[in-house]
Protein backbone atom coordinates (compact mmCIF):
# COMPACT_ATOMS: atom_id res chain seq x y z
CA MET A 1 188.51 56.62 145.84
CA ILE A 2 185.84 56.58 148.51
CA THR A 3 186.01 54.34 151.56
CA VAL A 4 183.14 52.43 153.14
CA ASP A 5 183.85 54.37 156.34
CA GLU A 6 183.16 57.65 154.50
CA ILE A 7 179.96 56.21 153.02
CA ASN A 8 178.77 54.92 156.39
CA GLU A 9 179.54 58.24 158.06
CA ALA A 10 177.58 60.20 155.45
CA TRP A 11 174.73 57.76 154.80
CA GLY A 12 174.58 55.28 157.71
CA TRP A 13 171.57 57.14 159.08
CA VAL A 14 169.40 55.54 156.33
CA GLY A 15 170.16 52.05 157.67
CA LEU A 16 173.04 51.30 155.32
CA THR A 17 176.11 49.51 156.63
CA ALA A 18 178.38 49.54 153.59
CA VAL A 19 180.99 46.82 153.33
CA GLU A 20 181.98 47.07 149.65
CA VAL A 21 181.62 49.46 146.73
CA LEU A 22 180.88 47.45 143.59
CA GLY A 23 180.54 50.28 141.10
CA ILE A 24 180.84 54.02 140.61
CA ASN A 25 179.49 55.95 137.65
CA ALA A 26 180.56 59.31 136.20
CA PHE A 27 178.08 61.17 138.44
CA GLY A 28 179.30 59.53 141.64
CA ASN A 29 176.41 57.07 141.91
CA LEU A 30 177.56 54.10 143.95
CA MET A 31 176.48 50.46 143.93
CA ILE A 32 177.12 49.25 147.47
CA ARG A 33 176.96 45.87 149.17
CA ASP A 34 175.48 46.13 152.66
CA ALA A 35 176.51 44.03 155.67
CA ASP A 36 173.27 42.03 155.36
CA GLY A 37 174.09 41.03 151.75
CA SER A 38 171.65 43.42 150.10
CA PHE A 39 172.69 45.98 147.49
CA TRP A 40 172.05 49.72 147.61
CA ARG A 41 172.32 52.50 145.07
CA LEU A 42 173.48 55.88 146.27
CA ARG A 43 172.39 58.70 143.93
CA PRO A 44 173.97 61.98 145.08
CA GLN A 45 172.12 64.07 142.47
CA ASP A 46 168.81 62.89 143.96
CA LEU A 47 169.94 62.96 147.62
CA SER A 48 168.97 59.30 147.69
CA CYS A 49 170.38 56.01 148.96
CA GLU A 50 168.05 53.03 148.73
CA PRO A 51 168.17 49.25 148.42
CA VAL A 52 167.91 48.03 144.82
CA ALA A 53 168.45 44.26 145.24
CA GLU A 54 167.98 41.91 148.18
CA ASP A 55 170.74 39.52 147.10
CA ARG A 56 173.36 38.89 144.41
CA ALA A 57 170.91 37.07 142.12
CA ALA A 58 168.57 40.08 142.15
CA LEU A 59 171.51 42.41 141.45
CA ASP A 60 172.64 40.21 138.56
CA ALA A 61 169.12 40.37 137.13
CA LEU A 62 169.36 44.17 137.08
CA SER A 63 172.35 43.88 134.74
CA TYR A 64 169.88 42.74 132.06
CA ASN A 65 167.33 45.49 132.72
CA GLN A 66 167.81 48.11 130.00
CA ASP A 67 165.96 50.84 131.93
CA PHE A 68 168.17 50.26 134.97
CA LEU A 69 171.34 50.21 132.84
CA ASN A 70 170.40 53.43 131.06
CA ASP A 71 169.67 55.06 134.42
CA TRP A 72 172.99 53.81 135.81
CA TYR A 73 175.23 54.83 132.89
CA MET A 74 173.34 58.11 132.22
CA PRO A 75 174.73 58.33 128.65
CA GLU A 76 172.97 61.54 127.58
CA LEU A 77 173.88 63.37 130.78
CA VAL A 78 177.48 62.14 130.69
CA ASP A 79 177.77 63.34 127.06
CA LEU A 80 176.40 66.75 128.08
CA ALA A 81 178.78 66.96 131.05
CA GLU A 82 181.79 65.95 128.95
CA SER A 83 180.96 68.47 126.22
CA THR A 84 180.34 71.23 128.80
CA LEU A 85 183.10 70.54 131.33
CA GLY A 86 185.55 68.27 129.55
CA PRO A 87 186.82 64.92 130.75
CA LEU A 88 186.94 64.15 134.45
CA ALA A 89 190.17 64.72 136.34
CA GLU A 90 191.45 61.95 138.61
CA GLY A 91 189.28 61.52 141.72
CA ARG A 92 186.52 63.85 140.51
CA LYS A 93 182.95 63.16 139.39
CA TYR A 94 180.32 65.20 137.61
CA CYS A 95 177.54 66.56 139.79
CA LEU A 96 174.54 68.84 139.82
CA LYS A 97 175.32 72.16 141.54
CA ILE A 98 171.76 72.11 142.87
CA PRO A 99 170.58 68.53 143.43
CA SER A 100 167.45 67.47 141.54
CA ALA A 101 165.74 66.80 144.86
CA LEU A 102 166.02 70.53 145.58
CA GLY A 103 164.79 71.64 142.17
CA GLY A 104 168.08 71.52 140.26
CA HIS A 105 167.80 70.77 136.57
CA TYR A 106 169.78 68.36 134.41
CA GLY A 107 171.19 71.11 132.19
CA SER A 108 174.65 72.41 131.34
CA GLU A 109 174.24 75.47 133.62
CA ASN A 110 173.78 73.19 136.66
CA LEU A 111 176.77 70.89 136.06
CA ALA A 112 180.11 70.90 137.86
CA THR A 113 182.82 68.50 138.99
CA VAL A 114 183.72 67.68 142.57
CA PRO A 115 185.91 65.22 144.48
CA LEU A 116 183.91 62.02 145.04
CA SER A 117 184.33 62.04 148.83
CA GLU A 118 182.94 65.60 149.04
CA LEU A 119 180.00 64.67 146.82
CA ILE A 120 179.09 61.69 149.00
CA ARG A 121 179.47 63.67 152.24
CA PHE A 122 177.49 66.68 150.97
CA SER A 123 174.68 64.57 149.55
CA GLY A 124 174.36 62.54 152.76
CA GLU A 125 174.26 65.65 154.93
CA GLY A 126 171.79 67.34 152.59
CA ALA A 127 169.52 64.32 152.43
CA GLN A 128 169.47 64.04 156.21
CA GLN A 129 168.63 67.73 156.63
CA PHE A 130 165.77 67.50 154.13
CA GLN A 131 164.49 64.12 155.34
CA GLY A 132 160.70 64.07 155.53
CA MET A 133 160.25 67.30 153.60
CA PRO A 134 158.30 67.31 150.33
CA ARG A 135 160.41 66.95 147.17
CA TRP A 136 160.68 69.95 144.86
CA CYS A 137 160.28 67.96 141.68
């Protein structure tokens, strides 16, 4: 499991002050409640951590948005990862070896598994290093 301290250490530079993790998907995406009551989504594969809802009501509304839910659960990508790599071991998440933000593709040759804390730390460090640079895709 990941702690809010680990999240804040890796991603606090974007303005996030995590106080609670509300959800984690198979690719290590996190739904996080910030100290100001807003909600953020951390997407390691995209080297991204951004607000998605300003309050609980807005977050609840997202639970009815089919595009958001499909993006969150990533069913096709999870199926590909499971068929390529097998089920996840305890404490591990699927990931892209090369993040999409750096030109990595969502294909079986670019999939791996990694401990969640390493994924969050690596993606935060990578995003900070590439901050302000043009995206590859």
